Amino acid sequence: MTTIHTLNELDGQPHANVFPDKEPKTIRLTLDAGGEVAPHSHPDREIVFYLIKGTIELDLGDETHELSVGDIARFDGDQEIAPRAVEESTALIVLASRSDE
């Protein structure tokens, strides 16, 4: 079965679950300028973070990466993650169960 949503129609700030209770977990993250998500991790997950709008400083472990529109980051969810919006920003985040490959 195919399910289609428009990101703009989703409810939830700063997180909106695109396909509730379905895998892989898919989230729309919306942050105002200066908004941030506290450091956290997603054990046993691989994460793809796609920036749709704005600029994000993405703290991953001991490193900070500045993402611009169109950038895609892929990383291990075991490390601490803390996104911070430099300007109003929207990202699509996919959290997939870690594969053994």
C-alpha atoms as a PDB file:
ATOM      1  CA  MET A   1       0.000   0.000   0.000  1.00  0.00           C
ATOM      2  CA  THR A   2       1.317   3.447  -0.905  1.00  0.00           C
ATOM      3  CA  THR A   3       0.959   6.335   1.549  1.00  0.00           C
ATOM      4  CA  ILE A   4       1.596   9.932   0.472  1.00  0.00           C
ATOM      5  CA  HIS A   5       1.721  13.040   2.677  1.00  0.00           C
ATOM      6  CA  THR A   6       2.672  16.656   2.101  1.00  0.00           C
ATOM      7  CA  LEU A   7       5.179  17.820   4.729  1.00  0.00           C
ATOM      8  CA  ASN A   8       3.453  21.193   5.091  1.00  0.00           C
ATOM      9  CA  GLU A   9       0.140  19.600   6.086  1.00  0.00           C
ATOM     10  CA  LEU A  10       1.584  17.727   9.074  1.00  0.00           C
ATOM     11  CA  ASP A  11       0.785  18.835  12.615  1.00  0.00           C
ATOM     12  CA  GLY A  12       3.403  18.967  15.339  1.00  0.00           C
ATOM     13  CA  GLN A  13       6.129  21.387  16.399  1.00  0.00           C
ATOM     14  CA  PRO A  14       9.024  20.944  16.369  1.00  0.00           C
ATOM     15  CA  HIS A  15       8.491  17.272  15.390  1.00  0.00           C
ATOM     16  CA  ALA A  16       5.812  15.804  13.153  1.00  0.00           C
ATOM     17  CA  ASN A  17       5.763  12.053  12.548  1.00  0.00           C
ATOM     18  CA  VAL A  18       5.177  11.537   8.811  1.00  0.00           C
ATOM     19  CA  PHE A  19       4.030   7.906   9.051  1.00  0.00           C
ATOM     20  CA  PRO A  20       2.987   7.265  12.681  1.00  0.00           C
ATOM     21  CA  ASP A  21       3.851   3.803  14.016  1.00  0.00           C
ATOM     22  CA  LYS A  22       5.553   2.786  10.761  1.00  0.00           C
ATOM     23  CA  GLU A  23       9.166   1.968   9.969  1.00  0.00           C
ATOM     24  CA  PRO A  24      11.459   3.511   9.103  1.00  0.00           C
ATOM     25  CA  LYS A  25      10.547   6.324  11.502  1.00  0.00           C
ATOM     26  CA  THR A  26      10.242   9.518   9.448  1.00  0.00           C
ATOM     27  CA  ILE A  27      10.055  12.951  11.090  1.00  0.00           C
ATOM     28  CA  ARG A  28       9.626  16.529   9.880  1.00  0.00           C
ATOM     29  CA  LEU A  29      11.640  18.822  12.161  1.00  0.00           C
ATOM     30  CA  THR A  30      10.717  22.523  12.125  1.00  0.00           C
ATOM     31  CA  LEU A  31      12.711  25.025  14.184  1.00  0.00           C
ATOM     32  CA  ASP A  32      12.470  28.805  14.454  1.00  0.00           C
ATOM     33  CA  ALA A  33      15.710  30.798  14.215  1.00  0.00           C
ATOM     34  CA  GLY A  34      17.709  30.011  17.347  1.00  0.00           C
ATOM     35  CA  GLY A  35      15.562  26.953  18.098  1.00  0.00           C
ATOM     36  CA  GLU A  36      17.293  23.766  19.096  1.00  0.00           C
ATOM     37  CA  VAL A  37      16.765  20.197  20.179  1.00  0.00           C
ATOM     38  CA  ALA A  38      18.585  19.123  23.349  1.00  0.00           C
ATOM     39  CA  PRO A  39      21.415  16.597  22.920  1.00  0.00           C
ATOM     40  CA  HIS A  40      20.045  13.079  22.621  1.00  0.00           C
ATOM     41  CA  SER A  41      20.741   9.799  20.830  1.00  0.00           C
ATOM     42  CA  HIS A  42      18.854   7.147  18.879  1.00  0.00           C
ATOM     43  CA  PRO A  43      20.558   3.857  19.779  1.00  0.00           C
ATOM     44  CA  ASP A  44      20.539   1.095  17.166  1.00  0.00           C
ATOM     45  CA  ARG A  45      19.436   3.505  14.414  1.00  0.00           C
ATOM     46  CA  GLU A  46      21.043   4.853  11.253  1.00  0.00           C
ATOM     47  CA  ILE A  47      19.901   8.401  10.553  1.00  0.00           C
ATOM     48  CA  VAL A  48      19.488  10.398   7.355  1.00  0.00           C
ATOM     49  CA  PHE A  49      18.987  14.145   7.925  1.00  0.00           C
ATOM     50  CA  TYR A  50      17.904  16.141   4.833  1.00  0.00           C
ATOM     51  CA  LEU A  51      17.687  19.931   5.133  1.00  0.00           C
ATOM     52  CA  ILE A  52      14.744  21.299   3.147  1.00  0.00           C
ATOM     53  CA  LYS A  53      14.804  24.931   4.320  1.00  0.00           C
ATOM     54  CA  GLY A  54      17.158  27.195   6.290  1.00  0.00           C
ATOM     55  CA  THR A  55      20.531  26.556   7.918  1.00  0.00           C
ATOM     56  CA  ILE A  56      21.218  24.097  10.747  1.00  0.00           C
ATOM     57  CA  GLU A  57      24.256  23.593  12.945  1.00  0.00           C
ATOM     58  CA  LEU A  58      24.190  19.871  13.623  1.00  0.00           C
ATOM     59  CA  ASP A  59      26.232  18.732  16.622  1.00  0.00           C
ATOM     60  CA  LEU A  60      27.211  15.076  16.224  1.00  0.00           C
ATOM     61  CA  GLY A  61      29.331  13.797  19.065  1.00  0.00           C
ATOM     62  CA  ASP A  62      32.324  16.168  19.306  1.00  0.00           C
ATOM     63  CA  GLU A  63      31.844  17.687  15.829  1.00  0.00           C
ATOM     64  CA  THR A  64      29.588  20.459  14.509  1.00  0.00           C
ATOM     65  CA  HIS A  65      28.436  20.463  10.879  1.00  0.00           C
ATOM     66  CA  GLU A  66      26.719  23.420   9.238  1.00  0.00           C
ATOM     67  CA  LEU A  67      24.034  22.183   6.856  1.00  0.00           C
ATOM     68  CA  SER A  68      22.540  24.292   4.069  1.00  0.00           C
ATOM     69  CA  VAL A  69      19.443  23.682   1.957  1.00  0.00           C
ATOM     70  CA  GLY A  70      19.803  20.432   0.026  1.00  0.00           C
ATOM     71  CA  ASP A  71      22.490  18.951   2.284  1.00  0.00           C
ATOM     72  CA  ILE A  72      22.034  15.355   3.420  1.00  0.00           C
ATOM     73  CA  ALA A  73      23.842  13.972   6.459  1.00  0.00           C
ATOM     74  CA  ARG A  74      23.953  10.257   7.242  1.00  0.00           C
ATOM     75  CA  PHE A  75      25.182   9.166  10.664  1.00  0.00           C
ATOM     76  CA  ASP A  76      25.027   6.605  13.458  1.00  0.00           C
ATOM     77  CA  GLY A  77      22.301   7.339  16.018  1.00  0.00           C
ATOM     78  CA  ASP A  78      24.401   6.007  18.916  1.00  0.00           C
ATOM     79  CA  GLN A  79      26.237   9.341  19.146  1.00  0.00           C
ATOM     80  CA  GLU A  80      24.761  12.484  20.719  1.00  0.00           C
ATOM     81  CA  ILE A  81      22.781  14.590  18.255  1.00  0.00           C
ATOM     82  CA  ALA A  82      21.774  18.234  18.763  1.00  0.00           C
ATOM     83  CA  PRO A  83      20.398  20.309  15.849  1.00  0.00           C
ATOM     84  CA  ARG A  84      20.307  24.117  16.236  1.00  0.00           C
ATOM     85  CA  ALA A  85      18.647  26.438  13.694  1.00  0.00           C
ATOM     86  CA  VAL A  86      20.748  29.381  12.513  1.00  0.00           C
ATOM     87  CA  GLU A  87      17.610  30.601  10.723  1.00  0.00           C
ATOM     88  CA  GLU A  88      14.072  29.238  10.436  1.00  0.00           C
ATOM     89  CA  SER A  89      14.621  25.668   9.230  1.00  0.00           C
ATOM     90  CA  THR A  90      12.825  22.500   8.182  1.00  0.00           C
ATOM     91  CA  ALA A  91      14.420  19.064   7.851  1.00  0.00           C
ATOM     92  CA  LEU A  92      13.219  15.581   6.967  1.00  0.00           C
ATOM     93  CA  ILE A  93      14.775  12.947   9.221  1.00  0.00           C
ATOM     94  CA  VAL A  94      14.638   9.193   8.619  1.00  0.00           C
ATOM     95  CA  LEU A  95      15.596   6.852  11.467  1.00  0.00           C
ATOM     96  CA  ALA A  96      16.130   3.313  10.193  1.00  0.00           C
ATOM     97  CA  SER A  97      16.950   0.219  12.202  1.00  0.00           C
ATOM     98  CA  ARG A  98      20.672  -0.454  11.923  1.00  0.00           C
ATOM     99  CA  SER A  99      21.547  -3.099   9.378  1.00  0.00           C
ATOM    100  CA  ASP A 100      24.368  -5.578   9.920  1.00  0.00           C
ATOM    101  CA  GLU A 101      26.008  -4.601   6.626  1.00  0.00           C
END
